[in-house]
Amino acid sequence: MPTHPSPFTRHSSLVTRLPSACIFDLDGVLVDTAKYHYLAWKRLADELGFYFSEADNERLKGVSRMASLDILLEVGGITHLSAQEKLVLADRKNNWYVEYISKMTPDEVLPGALEFLQQVKAAGVKIALGSASKNAGMILQRTNISAFFDAVIDGNKVSNAKPDPEVFLLGAQELGVQPSECIVFEDAAAGIEAAIRAGMKCVGVGNPDILHRATIVIPSLLELRMNNE
């Protein structure tokens, strides 16, 4: 029987044929919005009277907005806030974040991401977004990459944050493919865990010490090329 070439020229061990779908996380994989999240969270911490470091911010990667707020409040030693008070704080942070990302440009797509999306699309592979961000639609529009996506699953569509697999399973469902036929691209440990729970292979984009549970780990999408021969 003929052998099938790997769809990825950088890592031949990931799969032996084209996947039915690729599901991409947004922040840290396709665009760099982490800096804007940090600016907004730090601004909130400053108002509340404590310092929120970049190291503290690492704990928020791949985490939902309200869970991120809980971590920030824990760092600041703030307890006994009501649910309504927490919602007010989360909305305040989000308003600042939206202010920042509303000025994004296509130049803020991460190196290699646009080219890889083009190659995946040209290969006839379906593409979905699987992000916790409730502002994903705006970011895709501002960076001019929304046309690549056959489905967009964001924080407005899911009720369970990563590492729950809901966001990826819903992505596969909307694309009409089996989870086992999907490859996820993620930069956060919680996202890697979500992909594993969904029964999907996963490419970790970033630090291998953090993303070691991924099927493979690469520093950026510059490392991959889609082979559709």
C-alpha atoms as a PDB file:
ATOM      1  CA  MET A   1       0.000   0.000   0.000  1.00  0.00           C
ATOM      2  CA  PRO A   2       1.272   3.527  -0.714  1.00  0.00           C
ATOM      3  CA  THR A   3       2.433   5.588   2.217  1.00  0.00           C
ATOM      4  CA  HIS A   4       0.953   9.014   2.880  1.00  0.00           C
ATOM      5  CA  PRO A   5       3.317  11.945   3.373  1.00  0.00           C
ATOM      6  CA  SER A   6       3.033  13.993   6.529  1.00  0.00           C
ATOM      7  CA  PRO A   7       1.020  17.185   6.110  1.00  0.00           C
ATOM      8  CA  PHE A   8       3.689  19.033   8.074  1.00  0.00           C
ATOM      9  CA  THR A   9       7.205  19.297   6.664  1.00  0.00           C
ATOM     10  CA  ARG A  10       8.658  20.331  10.051  1.00  0.00           C
ATOM     11  CA  HIS A  11       7.392  17.378  12.097  1.00  0.00           C
ATOM     12  CA  SER A  12       6.700  14.120  10.300  1.00  0.00           C
ATOM     13  CA  SER A  13       5.642  12.299  13.473  1.00  0.00           C
ATOM     14  CA  LEU A  14       2.430  14.261  14.094  1.00  0.00           C
ATOM     15  CA  VAL A  15       0.132  12.612  11.554  1.00  0.00           C
ATOM     16  CA  THR A  16       0.532  10.584   8.367  1.00  0.00           C
ATOM     17  CA  ARG A  17      -2.149  12.288   6.305  1.00  0.00           C
ATOM     18  CA  LEU A  18      -4.018  15.546   6.074  1.00  0.00           C
ATOM     19  CA  PRO A  19      -6.292  16.226   9.050  1.00  0.00           C
ATOM     20  CA  SER A  20      -9.944  17.050   8.415  1.00  0.00           C
ATOM     21  CA  ALA A  21      -9.637  20.229  10.449  1.00  0.00           C
ATOM     22  CA  CYS A  22      -7.235  22.511  12.256  1.00  0.00           C
ATOM     23  CA  ILE A  23      -8.485  24.363  15.343  1.00  0.00           C
ATOM     24  CA  PHE A  24      -6.481  27.383  16.446  1.00  0.00           C
ATOM     25  CA  ASP A  25      -6.373  29.158  19.760  1.00  0.00           C
ATOM     26  CA  LEU A  26      -6.132  32.912  19.206  1.00  0.00           C
ATOM     27  CA  ASP A  27      -4.007  34.664  21.813  1.00  0.00           C
ATOM     28  CA  GLY A  28      -0.358  33.665  21.568  1.00  0.00           C
ATOM     29  CA  VAL A  29      -0.869  31.440  18.521  1.00  0.00           C
ATOM     30  CA  LEU A  30      -2.214  33.714  15.789  1.00  0.00           C
ATOM     31  CA  VAL A  31      -1.976  37.158  17.359  1.00  0.00           C
ATOM     32  CA  ASP A  32      -0.260  38.688  20.354  1.00  0.00           C
ATOM     33  CA  THR A  33      -2.984  40.112  22.553  1.00  0.00           C
ATOM     34  CA  ALA A  34      -1.410  38.883  25.772  1.00  0.00           C
ATOM     35  CA  LYS A  35       0.279  42.267  26.203  1.00  0.00           C
ATOM     36  CA  TYR A  36      -3.101  44.011  26.079  1.00  0.00           C
ATOM     37  CA  HIS A  37      -4.613  41.605  28.601  1.00  0.00           C
ATOM     38  CA  TYR A  38      -1.687  42.268  30.908  1.00  0.00           C
ATOM     39  CA  LEU A  39      -1.972  46.049  30.554  1.00  0.00           C
ATOM     40  CA  ALA A  40      -5.679  45.895  31.394  1.00  0.00           C
ATOM     41  CA  TRP A  41      -5.289  43.502  34.336  1.00  0.00           C
ATOM     42  CA  LYS A  42      -2.347  45.501  35.720  1.00  0.00           C
ATOM     43  CA  ARG A  43      -4.391  48.696  35.410  1.00  0.00           C
ATOM     44  CA  LEU A  44      -7.142  47.054  37.443  1.00  0.00           C
ATOM     45  CA  ALA A  45      -4.669  45.839  40.067  1.00  0.00           C
ATOM     46  CA  ASP A  46      -3.171  49.327  40.296  1.00  0.00           C
ATOM     47  CA  GLU A  47      -6.640  50.739  40.986  1.00  0.00           C
ATOM     48  CA  LEU A  48      -7.212  48.114  43.663  1.00  0.00           C
ATOM     49  CA  GLY A  49      -3.893  49.015  45.278  1.00  0.00           C
ATOM     50  CA  PHE A  50      -1.511  46.127  44.603  1.00  0.00           C
ATOM     51  CA  TYR A  51       1.187  45.122  42.100  1.00  0.00           C
ATOM     52  CA  PHE A  52       0.390  42.531  39.441  1.00  0.00           C
ATOM     53  CA  SER A  53       3.548  41.227  37.763  1.00  0.00           C
ATOM     54  CA  GLU A  54       4.113  39.624  34.361  1.00  0.00           C
ATOM     55  CA  ALA A  55       4.896  36.398  36.210  1.00  0.00           C
ATOM     56  CA  ASP A  56       1.474  36.603  37.893  1.00  0.00           C
ATOM     57  CA  ASN A  57      -0.061  37.189  34.471  1.00  0.00           C
ATOM     58  CA  GLU A  58       1.322  33.876  33.199  1.00  0.00           C
ATOM     59  CA  ARG A  59      -1.249  32.135  35.411  1.00  0.00           C
ATOM     60  CA  LEU A  60      -4.051  33.698  33.344  1.00  0.00           C
ATOM     61  CA  LYS A  61      -3.086  32.115  30.009  1.00  0.00           C
ATOM     62  CA  GLY A  62      -5.975  30.142  28.540  1.00  0.00           C
ATOM     63  CA  VAL A  63      -8.201  30.986  31.529  1.00  0.00           C
ATOM     64  CA  SER A  64     -11.660  32.560  31.316  1.00  0.00           C
ATOM     65  CA  ARG A  65     -12.268  36.189  32.267  1.00  0.00           C
ATOM     66  CA  MET A  66     -13.944  35.521  35.610  1.00  0.00           C
ATOM     67  CA  ALA A  67     -11.439  32.835  36.584  1.00  0.00           C
ATOM     68  CA  SER A  68      -8.655  35.281  35.679  1.00  0.00           C
ATOM     69  CA  LEU A  69     -10.229  37.873  37.947  1.00  0.00           C
ATOM     70  CA  ASP A  70     -10.282  35.367  40.804  1.00  0.00           C
ATOM     71  CA  ILE A  71      -6.552  34.735  40.324  1.00  0.00           C
ATOM     72  CA  LEU A  72      -5.825  38.468  40.268  1.00  0.00           C
ATOM     73  CA  LEU A  73      -7.840  39.014  43.449  1.00  0.00           C
ATOM     74  CA  GLU A  74      -5.993  36.118  45.082  1.00  0.00           C
ATOM     75  CA  VAL A  75      -2.668  37.787  44.202  1.00  0.00           C
ATOM     76  CA  GLY A  76      -3.925  41.003  45.787  1.00  0.00           C
ATOM     77  CA  GLY A  77      -5.276  39.245  48.851  1.00  0.00           C
ATOM     78  CA  ILE A  78      -8.764  40.585  48.175  1.00  0.00           C
ATOM     79  CA  THR A  79     -11.601  38.387  49.423  1.00  0.00           C
ATOM     80  CA  HIS A  80     -15.311  38.545  50.188  1.00  0.00           C
ATOM     81  CA  LEU A  81     -16.331  40.446  47.052  1.00  0.00           C
ATOM     82  CA  SER A  82     -19.862  39.764  45.913  1.00  0.00           C
ATOM     83  CA  ALA A  83     -20.611  38.245  42.541  1.00  0.00           C
ATOM     84  CA  GLN A  84     -21.946  41.605  41.367  1.00  0.00           C
ATOM     85  CA  GLU A  85     -18.801  43.425  42.494  1.00  0.00           C
ATOM     86  CA  LYS A  86     -16.697  40.904  40.593  1.00  0.00           C
ATOM     87  CA  LEU A  87     -18.759  41.436  37.445  1.00  0.00           C
ATOM     88  CA  VAL A  88     -18.212  45.194  37.707  1.00  0.00           C
ATOM     89  CA  LEU A  89     -14.444  44.703  37.977  1.00  0.00           C
ATOM     90  CA  ALA A  90     -14.340  42.210  35.105  1.00  0.00           C
ATOM     91  CA  ASP A  91     -16.330  44.587  32.899  1.00  0.00           C
ATOM     92  CA  ARG A  92     -14.004  47.451  33.777  1.00  0.00           C
ATOM     93  CA  LYS A  93     -10.975  45.383  32.778  1.00  0.00           C
ATOM     94  CA  ASN A  94     -12.671  44.254  29.578  1.00  0.00           C
ATOM     95  CA  ASN A  95     -13.560  47.819  28.582  1.00  0.00           C
ATOM     96  CA  TRP A  96      -9.906  48.792  28.852  1.00  0.00           C
ATOM     97  CA  TYR A  97      -8.874  45.670  26.914  1.00  0.00           C
ATOM     98  CA  VAL A  98     -11.376  46.422  24.123  1.00  0.00           C
ATOM     99  CA  GLU A  99     -10.032  49.964  23.980  1.00  0.00           C
ATOM    100  CA  TYR A 100      -6.554  48.554  23.361  1.00  0.00           C
ATOM    101  CA  ILE A 101      -7.471  45.867  20.803  1.00  0.00           C
ATOM    102  CA  SER A 102      -9.774  48.182  18.842  1.00  0.00           C
ATOM    103  CA  LYS A 103      -6.565  49.778  17.580  1.00  0.00           C
ATOM    104  CA  MET A 104      -4.954  46.514  16.425  1.00  0.00           C
ATOM    105  CA  THR A 105      -3.716  46.185  12.838  1.00  0.00           C
ATOM    106  CA  PRO A 106      -2.887  43.268  10.500  1.00  0.00           C
ATOM    107  CA  ASP A 107       0.769  43.820  11.384  1.00  0.00           C
ATOM    108  CA  GLU A 108       0.044  42.234  14.762  1.00  0.00           C
ATOM    109  CA  VAL A 109      -0.562  38.762  13.323  1.00  0.00           C
ATOM    110  CA  LEU A 110       2.289  36.653  14.675  1.00  0.00           C
ATOM    111  CA  PRO A 111       5.173  35.623  12.370  1.00  0.00           C
ATOM    112  CA  GLY A 112       4.288  32.636  10.217  1.00  0.00           C
ATOM    113  CA  ALA A 113       0.605  32.586  11.189  1.00  0.00           C
ATOM    114  CA  LEU A 114      -0.823  34.207   8.060  1.00  0.00           C
ATOM    115  CA  GLU A 115       1.279  32.051   5.759  1.00  0.00           C
ATOM    116  CA  PHE A 116       0.322  28.874   7.598  1.00  0.00           C
ATOM    117  CA  LEU A 117      -3.387  29.741   7.527  1.00  0.00           C
ATOM    118  CA  GLN A 118      -3.085  30.289   3.780  1.00  0.00           C
ATOM    119  CA  GLN A 119      -1.427  26.901   3.333  1.00  0.00           C
ATOM    120  CA  VAL A 120      -4.020  25.084   5.448  1.00  0.00           C
ATOM    121  CA  LYS A 121      -6.828  26.728   3.483  1.00  0.00           C
ATOM    122  CA  ALA A 122      -5.176  25.877   0.150  1.00  0.00           C
ATOM    123  CA  ALA A 123      -4.905  22.240   1.244  1.00  0.00           C
ATOM    124  CA  GLY A 124      -8.688  22.095   1.654  1.00  0.00           C
ATOM    125  CA  VAL A 125      -8.515  21.557   5.411  1.00  0.00           C
ATOM    126  CA  LYS A 126     -11.312  23.123   7.470  1.00  0.00           C
ATOM    127  CA  ILE A 127     -10.323  25.785   9.981  1.00  0.00           C
ATOM    128  CA  ALA A 128     -11.932  26.751  13.283  1.00  0.00           C
ATOM    129  CA  LEU A 129     -11.061  29.128  16.071  1.00  0.00           C
ATOM    130  CA  GLY A 130     -11.238  27.787  19.612  1.00  0.00           C
ATOM    131  CA  SER A 131     -10.687  30.654  22.029  1.00  0.00           C
ATOM    132  CA  ALA A 132     -11.832  31.699  25.477  1.00  0.00           C
ATOM    133  CA  SER A 133     -11.871  35.321  24.322  1.00  0.00           C
ATOM    134  CA  LYS A 134     -15.254  37.024  24.083  1.00  0.00           C
ATOM    135  CA  ASN A 135     -13.633  39.604  21.817  1.00  0.00           C
ATOM    136  CA  ALA A 136     -12.305  37.129  19.256  1.00  0.00           C
ATOM    137  CA  GLY A 137     -14.550  38.417  16.474  1.00  0.00           C
ATOM    138  CA  MET A 138     -13.215  41.951  16.801  1.00  0.00           C
ATOM    139  CA  ILE A 139      -9.616  40.739  16.833  1.00  0.00           C
ATOM    140  CA  LEU A 140     -10.126  38.623  13.708  1.00  0.00           C
ATOM    141  CA  GLN A 141     -11.676  41.593  11.925  1.00  0.00           C
ATOM    142  CA  ARG A 142      -9.028  44.074  13.015  1.00  0.00           C
ATOM    143  CA  THR A 143      -6.211  41.770  11.876  1.00  0.00           C
ATOM    144  CA  ASN A 144      -7.930  40.783   8.593  1.00  0.00           C
ATOM    145  CA  ILE A 145      -7.857  37.018   9.153  1.00  0.00           C
ATOM    146  CA  SER A 146     -11.562  36.312   9.779  1.00  0.00           C
ATOM    147  CA  ALA A 147     -12.099  35.001   6.218  1.00  0.00           C
ATOM    148  CA  PHE A 148      -9.930  31.955   6.919  1.00  0.00           C
ATOM    149  CA  PHE A 149     -12.316  30.499   9.508  1.00  0.00           C
ATOM    150  CA  ASP A 150     -15.161  28.113   8.749  1.00  0.00           C
ATOM    151  CA  ALA A 151     -16.268  28.262  12.394  1.00  0.00           C
ATOM    152  CA  VAL A 152     -15.512  30.606  15.288  1.00  0.00           C
ATOM    153  CA  ILE A 153     -15.991  29.211  18.787  1.00  0.00           C
ATOM    154  CA  ASP A 154     -15.276  31.841  21.415  1.00  0.00           C
ATOM    155  CA  GLY A 155     -16.177  32.785  24.956  1.00  0.00           C
ATOM    156  CA  ASN A 156     -19.640  33.830  23.841  1.00  0.00           C
ATOM    157  CA  LYS A 157     -20.486  30.288  22.730  1.00  0.00           C
ATOM    158  CA  VAL A 158     -19.134  28.127  25.539  1.00  0.00           C
ATOM    159  CA  SER A 159     -19.941  27.861  29.221  1.00  0.00           C
ATOM    160  CA  ASN A 160     -16.918  25.836  30.337  1.00  0.00           C
ATOM    161  CA  ALA A 161     -13.388  27.222  30.184  1.00  0.00           C
ATOM    162  CA  LYS A 162     -10.313  25.229  29.195  1.00  0.00           C
ATOM    163  CA  PRO A 163      -9.105  22.691  30.294  1.00  0.00           C
ATOM    164  CA  ASP A 164     -12.683  21.580  29.695  1.00  0.00           C
ATOM    165  CA  PRO A 165     -12.771  20.305  26.080  1.00  0.00           C
ATOM    166  CA  GLU A 166     -16.083  22.015  25.235  1.00  0.00           C
ATOM    167  CA  VAL A 167     -14.590  24.714  22.999  1.00  0.00           C
ATOM    168  CA  PHE A 168     -12.762  22.200  20.804  1.00  0.00           C
ATOM    169  CA  LEU A 169     -15.563  19.648  20.710  1.00  0.00           C
ATOM    170  CA  LEU A 170     -17.979  22.379  19.629  1.00  0.00           C
ATOM    171  CA  GLY A 171     -15.503  23.437  16.951  1.00  0.00           C
ATOM    172  CA  ALA A 172     -15.385  19.904  15.550  1.00  0.00           C
ATOM    173  CA  GLN A 173     -19.186  19.724  15.711  1.00  0.00           C
ATOM    174  CA  GLU A 174     -19.663  22.984  13.797  1.00  0.00           C
ATOM    175  CA  LEU A 175     -17.155  21.843  11.173  1.00  0.00           C
ATOM    176  CA  GLY A 176     -18.879  18.482  10.852  1.00  0.00           C
ATOM    177  CA  VAL A 177     -15.769  16.407  11.600  1.00  0.00           C
ATOM    178  CA  GLN A 178     -14.776  13.840  14.204  1.00  0.00           C
ATOM    179  CA  PRO A 179     -12.591  15.051  17.095  1.00  0.00           C
ATOM    180  CA  SER A 180      -9.948  12.458  16.232  1.00  0.00           C
ATOM    181  CA  GLU A 181      -9.616  14.088  12.805  1.00  0.00           C
ATOM    182  CA  CYS A 182      -8.669  17.491  14.276  1.00  0.00           C
ATOM    183  CA  ILE A 183      -5.347  19.050  15.184  1.00  0.00           C
ATOM    184  CA  VAL A 184      -5.335  21.841  17.781  1.00  0.00           C
ATOM    185  CA  PHE A 185      -2.783  24.658  17.943  1.00  0.00           C
ATOM    186  CA  GLU A 186      -2.359  26.009  21.490  1.00  0.00           C
ATOM    187  CA  ASP A 187       0.045  28.078  23.585  1.00  0.00           C
ATOM    188  CA  ALA A 188      -1.330  27.351  27.061  1.00  0.00           C
ATOM    189  CA  ALA A 189      -1.151  24.273  29.273  1.00  0.00           C
ATOM    190  CA  ALA A 190      -4.904  24.479  29.925  1.00  0.00           C
ATOM    191  CA  GLY A 191      -5.533  24.448  26.169  1.00  0.00           C
ATOM    192  CA  ILE A 192      -3.248  21.446  25.667  1.00  0.00           C
ATOM    193  CA  GLU A 193      -5.189  19.586  28.359  1.00  0.00           C
ATOM    194  CA  ALA A 194      -8.479  20.557  26.702  1.00  0.00           C
ATOM    195  CA  ALA A 195      -7.296  19.165  23.373  1.00  0.00           C
ATOM    196  CA  ILE A 196      -6.195  15.906  24.988  1.00  0.00           C
ATOM    197  CA  ARG A 197      -9.564  15.546  26.737  1.00  0.00           C
ATOM    198  CA  ALA A 198     -11.269  16.200  23.394  1.00  0.00           C
ATOM    199  CA  GLY A 199      -9.354  13.312  21.837  1.00  0.00           C
ATOM    200  CA  MET A 200      -7.413  15.564  19.471  1.00  0.00           C
ATOM    201  CA  LYS A 201      -3.756  15.787  18.543  1.00  0.00           C
ATOM    202  CA  CYS A 202      -2.186  19.060  19.602  1.00  0.00           C
ATOM    203  CA  VAL A 203       0.642  21.319  18.492  1.00  0.00           C
ATOM    204  CA  GLY A 204       2.038  23.338  21.384  1.00  0.00           C
ATOM    205  CA  VAL A 205       3.242  26.770  20.314  1.00  0.00           C
ATOM    206  CA  GLY A 206       5.728  28.145  22.805  1.00  0.00           C
ATOM    207  CA  ASN A 207       7.717  26.843  25.759  1.00  0.00           C
ATOM    208  CA  PRO A 208       8.234  23.049  25.729  1.00  0.00           C
ATOM    209  CA  ASP A 209       8.653  23.008  29.516  1.00  0.00           C
ATOM    210  CA  ILE A 210       5.089  24.318  29.862  1.00  0.00           C
ATOM    211  CA  LEU A 211       3.543  22.566  26.856  1.00  0.00           C
ATOM    212  CA  HIS A 212       5.246  19.174  27.232  1.00  0.00           C
ATOM    213  CA  ARG A 213       1.957  17.251  27.075  1.00  0.00           C
ATOM    214  CA  ALA A 214       1.339  18.373  23.488  1.00  0.00           C
ATOM    215  CA  THR A 215       1.897  15.936  20.626  1.00  0.00           C
ATOM    216  CA  ILE A 216       4.706  18.203  19.436  1.00  0.00           C
ATOM    217  CA  VAL A 217       5.963  21.631  20.553  1.00  0.00           C
ATOM    218  CA  ILE A 218       7.258  24.377  18.260  1.00  0.00           C
ATOM    219  CA  PRO A 219       8.405  27.930  19.039  1.00  0.00           C
ATOM    220  CA  SER A 220       6.074  29.501  16.445  1.00  0.00           C
ATOM    221  CA  LEU A 221       4.051  28.722  13.325  1.00  0.00           C
ATOM    222  CA  LEU A 222       7.116  29.722  11.311  1.00  0.00           C
ATOM    223  CA  GLU A 223       8.289  26.182  12.069  1.00  0.00           C
ATOM    224  CA  LEU A 224       5.501  24.495  10.089  1.00  0.00           C
ATOM    225  CA  ARG A 225       4.625  24.205   6.432  1.00  0.00           C
ATOM    226  CA  MET A 226       1.540  22.432   5.131  1.00  0.00           C
ATOM    227  CA  ASN A 227       2.357  19.700   2.657  1.00  0.00           C
ATOM    228  CA  ASN A 228      -0.725  19.172   0.462  1.00  0.00           C
ATOM    229  CA  GLU A 229       0.879  17.054  -2.186  1.00  0.00           C
END
